[in-house]
Amino acid sequence: MTTRQKQSEKSSARDSLARARVVFNAIAAVVALAGLADATYLTVAHLAGDNSVCGPSQPCSIVLGSAYAQIAGIPTAAFGAVAYFSAFSAATLAAFGYPRARSFLIVIVAAMFAFTLWLLYLQAFVLHAFCPFCLLSAAFTFCLAGLTLATPPAR
């Protein structure tokens, strides 16, 4: 094998990793955007005092009406909206090759993951009720965590 062929193979491997990073970050941006929609919907419903968000689901109303549904008077979903917007922004910038955006994405998704675990604990063991919108948000966060972990690192 000639030196030129070896260089061509290395270049091809780098190009495929770069494409994989772009694809993973783009998918993460779309997932974060879906999470942002969910969190924004819950925030607006909470601020408007709309109790019909859950429909006839009693457990959902228990979760969204609990003391854990707000922190210092701010809806918990609003913090989620900020986190999802930050994840969307970082994933988009990372897809365009900004190296610091990747680091920020890792940090924000790790914080979201930890907070999601706490909120799931509260629903399961303190409130004994689950909110479908909250579980959807948890699913988006878990997907973001998986995508962030699976994205090949830049070299």
C-alpha atoms as a PDB file:
ATOM      1  CA  MET A   1       0.000   0.000   0.000  1.00  0.00           C
ATOM      2  CA  THR A   2       1.424   3.353  -0.970  1.00  0.00           C
ATOM      3  CA  THR A   3       1.709   6.388   1.274  1.00  0.00           C
ATOM      4  CA  ARG A   4      -0.858   8.176  -0.840  1.00  0.00           C
ATOM      5  CA  GLN A   5      -3.423   5.388  -0.343  1.00  0.00           C
ATOM      6  CA  LYS A   6      -2.862   5.437   3.438  1.00  0.00           C
ATOM      7  CA  GLN A   7      -3.387   9.190   3.527  1.00  0.00           C
ATOM      8  CA  SER A   8      -6.550   8.797   1.458  1.00  0.00           C
ATOM      9  CA  GLU A   9      -7.936   6.224   3.924  1.00  0.00           C
ATOM     10  CA  LYS A  10      -7.175   8.475   6.908  1.00  0.00           C
ATOM     11  CA  SER A  11      -8.840  11.406   5.175  1.00  0.00           C
ATOM     12  CA  SER A  12     -11.906   9.297   4.389  1.00  0.00           C
ATOM     13  CA  ALA A  13     -12.178   8.170   8.033  1.00  0.00           C
ATOM     14  CA  ARG A  14     -11.951  11.771   9.251  1.00  0.00           C
ATOM     15  CA  ASP A  15     -14.631  12.846   6.783  1.00  0.00           C
ATOM     16  CA  SER A  16     -17.026  10.102   7.902  1.00  0.00           C
ATOM     17  CA  LEU A  17     -16.509  11.037  11.581  1.00  0.00           C
ATOM     18  CA  ALA A  18     -17.128  14.687  10.764  1.00  0.00           C
ATOM     19  CA  ARG A  19     -20.360  13.745   8.959  1.00  0.00           C
ATOM     20  CA  ALA A  20     -21.428  11.601  11.921  1.00  0.00           C
ATOM     21  CA  ARG A  21     -20.845  14.525  14.303  1.00  0.00           C
ATOM     22  CA  VAL A  22     -22.962  16.797  12.118  1.00  0.00           C
ATOM     23  CA  VAL A  23     -25.783  14.239  11.890  1.00  0.00           C
ATOM     24  CA  PHE A  24     -25.794  13.483  15.652  1.00  0.00           C
ATOM     25  CA  ASN A  25     -25.747  17.183  16.549  1.00  0.00           C
ATOM     26  CA  ALA A  26     -28.496  17.977  14.041  1.00  0.00           C
ATOM     27  CA  ILE A  27     -30.694  15.219  15.475  1.00  0.00           C
ATOM     28  CA  ALA A  28     -29.954  16.514  18.981  1.00  0.00           C
ATOM     29  CA  ALA A  29     -31.031  19.998  17.866  1.00  0.00           C
ATOM     30  CA  VAL A  30     -34.348  18.638  16.560  1.00  0.00           C
ATOM     31  CA  VAL A  31     -34.967  16.671  19.781  1.00  0.00           C
ATOM     32  CA  ALA A  32     -34.159  19.775  21.848  1.00  0.00           C
ATOM     33  CA  LEU A  33     -36.582  21.793  19.724  1.00  0.00           C
ATOM     34  CA  ALA A  34     -39.342  19.248  20.417  1.00  0.00           C
ATOM     35  CA  GLY A  35     -38.524  19.443  24.136  1.00  0.00           C
ATOM     36  CA  LEU A  36     -38.661  23.223  23.934  1.00  0.00           C
ATOM     37  CA  ALA A  37     -42.167  23.011  22.469  1.00  0.00           C
ATOM     38  CA  ASP A  38     -43.305  20.709  25.291  1.00  0.00           C
ATOM     39  CA  ALA A  39     -41.769  22.862  28.032  1.00  0.00           C
ATOM     40  CA  THR A  40     -43.097  26.081  26.499  1.00  0.00           C
ATOM     41  CA  TYR A  41     -46.616  24.634  26.314  1.00  0.00           C
ATOM     42  CA  LEU A  42     -46.501  23.643  29.983  1.00  0.00           C
ATOM     43  CA  THR A  43     -45.046  27.023  30.994  1.00  0.00           C
ATOM     44  CA  VAL A  44     -47.727  28.997  29.161  1.00  0.00           C
ATOM     45  CA  ALA A  45     -50.479  26.769  30.554  1.00  0.00           C
ATOM     46  CA  HIS A  46     -49.119  27.217  34.096  1.00  0.00           C
ATOM     47  CA  LEU A  47     -48.816  31.000  33.767  1.00  0.00           C
ATOM     48  CA  ALA A  48     -52.308  31.259  32.277  1.00  0.00           C
ATOM     49  CA  GLY A  49     -53.743  29.184  35.122  1.00  0.00           C
ATOM     50  CA  ASP A  50     -55.049  26.608  32.660  1.00  0.00           C
ATOM     51  CA  ASN A  51     -55.881  23.481  34.641  1.00  0.00           C
ATOM     52  CA  SER A  52     -57.297  21.675  31.620  1.00  0.00           C
ATOM     53  CA  VAL A  53     -53.826  20.904  30.230  1.00  0.00           C
ATOM     54  CA  CYS A  54     -54.076  17.305  31.388  1.00  0.00           C
ATOM     55  CA  GLY A  55     -57.688  16.783  30.405  1.00  0.00           C
ATOM     56  CA  PRO A  56     -59.431  14.258  32.653  1.00  0.00           C
ATOM     57  CA  SER A  57     -56.111  12.806  33.900  1.00  0.00           C
ATOM     58  CA  GLN A  58     -56.147  13.190  37.691  1.00  0.00           C
ATOM     59  CA  PRO A  59     -52.492  12.123  38.262  1.00  0.00           C
ATOM     60  CA  CYS A  60     -51.320  14.737  35.774  1.00  0.00           C
ATOM     61  CA  SER A  61     -53.217  17.455  37.632  1.00  0.00           C
ATOM     62  CA  ILE A  62     -51.652  16.298  40.903  1.00  0.00           C
ATOM     63  CA  VAL A  63     -48.145  16.698  39.462  1.00  0.00           C
ATOM     64  CA  LEU A  64     -48.740  20.041  37.751  1.00  0.00           C
ATOM     65  CA  GLY A  65     -50.584  21.424  40.789  1.00  0.00           C
ATOM     66  CA  SER A  66     -47.997  20.316  43.353  1.00  0.00           C
ATOM     67  CA  ALA A  67     -45.541  22.502  45.217  1.00  0.00           C
ATOM     68  CA  TYR A  68     -42.811  21.040  43.000  1.00  0.00           C
ATOM     69  CA  ALA A  69     -44.367  22.561  39.874  1.00  0.00           C
ATOM     70  CA  GLN A  70     -42.646  25.872  40.606  1.00  0.00           C
ATOM     71  CA  ILE A  71     -39.387  27.074  42.081  1.00  0.00           C
ATOM     72  CA  ALA A  72     -39.382  30.531  43.676  1.00  0.00           C
ATOM     73  CA  GLY A  73     -42.654  31.312  41.900  1.00  0.00           C
ATOM     74  CA  ILE A  74     -41.274  30.363  38.474  1.00  0.00           C
ATOM     75  CA  PRO A  75     -42.823  27.321  36.750  1.00  0.00           C
ATOM     76  CA  THR A  76     -40.444  24.356  36.667  1.00  0.00           C
ATOM     77  CA  ALA A  77     -41.304  23.980  32.989  1.00  0.00           C
ATOM     78  CA  ALA A  78     -39.844  27.450  32.345  1.00  0.00           C
ATOM     79  CA  PHE A  79     -36.466  26.203  33.551  1.00  0.00           C
ATOM     80  CA  GLY A  80     -36.920  23.295  31.157  1.00  0.00           C
ATOM     81  CA  ALA A  81     -37.674  25.682  28.303  1.00  0.00           C
ATOM     82  CA  VAL A  82     -34.463  27.599  29.001  1.00  0.00           C
ATOM     83  CA  ALA A  83     -32.488  24.356  29.197  1.00  0.00           C
ATOM     84  CA  TYR A  84     -33.971  23.011  25.955  1.00  0.00           C
ATOM     85  CA  PHE A  85     -33.285  26.306  24.180  1.00  0.00           C
ATOM     86  CA  SER A  86     -29.687  26.208  25.429  1.00  0.00           C
ATOM     87  CA  ALA A  87     -29.325  22.594  24.254  1.00  0.00           C
ATOM     88  CA  PHE A  88     -30.843  23.472  20.877  1.00  0.00           C
ATOM     89  CA  SER A  89     -28.454  26.402  20.455  1.00  0.00           C
ATOM     90  CA  ALA A  90     -25.396  24.411  21.523  1.00  0.00           C
ATOM     91  CA  ALA A  91     -26.287  21.434  19.306  1.00  0.00           C
ATOM     92  CA  THR A  92     -26.818  23.728  16.318  1.00  0.00           C
ATOM     93  CA  LEU A  93     -23.502  25.493  16.884  1.00  0.00           C
ATOM     94  CA  ALA A  94     -21.751  22.152  17.437  1.00  0.00           C
ATOM     95  CA  ALA A  95     -23.176  20.897  14.131  1.00  0.00           C
ATOM     96  CA  PHE A  96     -21.476  23.860  12.471  1.00  0.00           C
ATOM     97  CA  GLY A  97     -18.173  22.937  14.096  1.00  0.00           C
ATOM     98  CA  TYR A  98     -17.863  25.269  17.078  1.00  0.00           C
ATOM     99  CA  PRO A  99     -15.798  23.239  19.584  1.00  0.00           C
ATOM    100  CA  ARG A 100     -16.912  25.125  22.711  1.00  0.00           C
ATOM    101  CA  ALA A 101     -20.533  24.490  21.803  1.00  0.00           C
ATOM    102  CA  ARG A 102     -19.928  20.754  22.151  1.00  0.00           C
ATOM    103  CA  SER A 103     -18.538  21.256  25.661  1.00  0.00           C
ATOM    104  CA  PHE A 104     -21.497  23.437  26.632  1.00  0.00           C
ATOM    105  CA  LEU A 105     -23.913  20.870  25.192  1.00  0.00           C
ATOM    106  CA  ILE A 106     -22.361  18.145  27.340  1.00  0.00           C
ATOM    107  CA  VAL A 107     -22.666  20.267  30.486  1.00  0.00           C
ATOM    108  CA  ILE A 108     -26.252  21.391  29.864  1.00  0.00           C
ATOM    109  CA  VAL A 109     -27.465  17.898  28.938  1.00  0.00           C
ATOM    110  CA  ALA A 110     -25.779  16.432  32.043  1.00  0.00           C
ATOM    111  CA  ALA A 111     -27.563  19.009  34.221  1.00  0.00           C
ATOM    112  CA  MET A 112     -30.867  18.309  32.458  1.00  0.00           C
ATOM    113  CA  PHE A 113     -30.377  14.571  32.936  1.00  0.00           C
ATOM    114  CA  ALA A 114     -29.698  14.934  36.670  1.00  0.00           C
ATOM    115  CA  PHE A 115     -32.680  17.265  37.202  1.00  0.00           C
ATOM    116  CA  THR A 116     -34.923  14.938  35.196  1.00  0.00           C
ATOM    117  CA  LEU A 117     -33.951  12.026  37.411  1.00  0.00           C
ATOM    118  CA  TRP A 118     -34.854  14.134  40.461  1.00  0.00           C
ATOM    119  CA  LEU A 119     -38.231  15.073  38.999  1.00  0.00           C
ATOM    120  CA  LEU A 120     -38.983  11.441  38.095  1.00  0.00           C
ATOM    121  CA  TYR A 121     -38.113  10.461  41.672  1.00  0.00           C
ATOM    122  CA  LEU A 122     -40.554  13.076  42.968  1.00  0.00           C
ATOM    123  CA  GLN A 123     -43.328  11.833  40.694  1.00  0.00           C
ATOM    124  CA  ALA A 124     -42.790   8.178  41.539  1.00  0.00           C
ATOM    125  CA  PHE A 125     -42.024   8.234  45.263  1.00  0.00           C
ATOM    126  CA  VAL A 126     -43.326  11.523  46.659  1.00  0.00           C
ATOM    127  CA  LEU A 127     -46.379  12.435  44.577  1.00  0.00           C
ATOM    128  CA  HIS A 128     -47.254   8.888  43.445  1.00  0.00           C
ATOM    129  CA  ALA A 129     -48.554  10.361  40.191  1.00  0.00           C
ATOM    130  CA  PHE A 130     -47.194  10.869  36.690  1.00  0.00           C
ATOM    131  CA  CYS A 131     -47.712  13.638  34.166  1.00  0.00           C
ATOM    132  CA  PRO A 132     -47.574  12.513  30.501  1.00  0.00           C
ATOM    133  CA  PHE A 133     -46.085  15.838  29.416  1.00  0.00           C
ATOM    134  CA  CYS A 134     -43.383  15.497  32.066  1.00  0.00           C
ATOM    135  CA  LEU A 135     -42.625  11.944  30.956  1.00  0.00           C
ATOM    136  CA  LEU A 136     -42.380  13.160  27.372  1.00  0.00           C
ATOM    137  CA  SER A 137     -39.896  15.795  28.482  1.00  0.00           C
ATOM    138  CA  ALA A 138     -37.925  13.112  30.336  1.00  0.00           C
ATOM    139  CA  ALA A 139     -37.846  11.018  27.169  1.00  0.00           C
ATOM    140  CA  PHE A 140     -36.505  13.984  25.190  1.00  0.00           C
ATOM    141  CA  THR A 141     -33.823  14.547  27.830  1.00  0.00           C
ATOM    142  CA  PHE A 142     -32.804  10.875  27.801  1.00  0.00           C
ATOM    143  CA  CYS A 143     -32.595  10.990  23.995  1.00  0.00           C
ATOM    144  CA  LEU A 144     -30.424  14.093  24.188  1.00  0.00           C
ATOM    145  CA  ALA A 145     -28.156  12.377  26.696  1.00  0.00           C
ATOM    146  CA  GLY A 146     -27.822   9.327  24.461  1.00  0.00           C
ATOM    147  CA  LEU A 147     -27.107  11.423  21.385  1.00  0.00           C
ATOM    148  CA  THR A 148     -24.555  13.505  23.252  1.00  0.00           C
ATOM    149  CA  LEU A 149     -22.762  10.399  24.507  1.00  0.00           C
ATOM    150  CA  ALA A 150     -22.867   8.722  21.077  1.00  0.00           C
ATOM    151  CA  THR A 151     -21.492  11.706  19.163  1.00  0.00           C
ATOM    152  CA  PRO A 152     -17.884  11.000  18.137  1.00  0.00           C
ATOM    153  CA  PRO A 153     -15.432  13.463  19.702  1.00  0.00           C
ATOM    154  CA  ALA A 154     -13.585  15.926  17.472  1.00  0.00           C
ATOM    155  CA  ARG A 155      -9.884  15.270  17.084  1.00  0.00           C
END
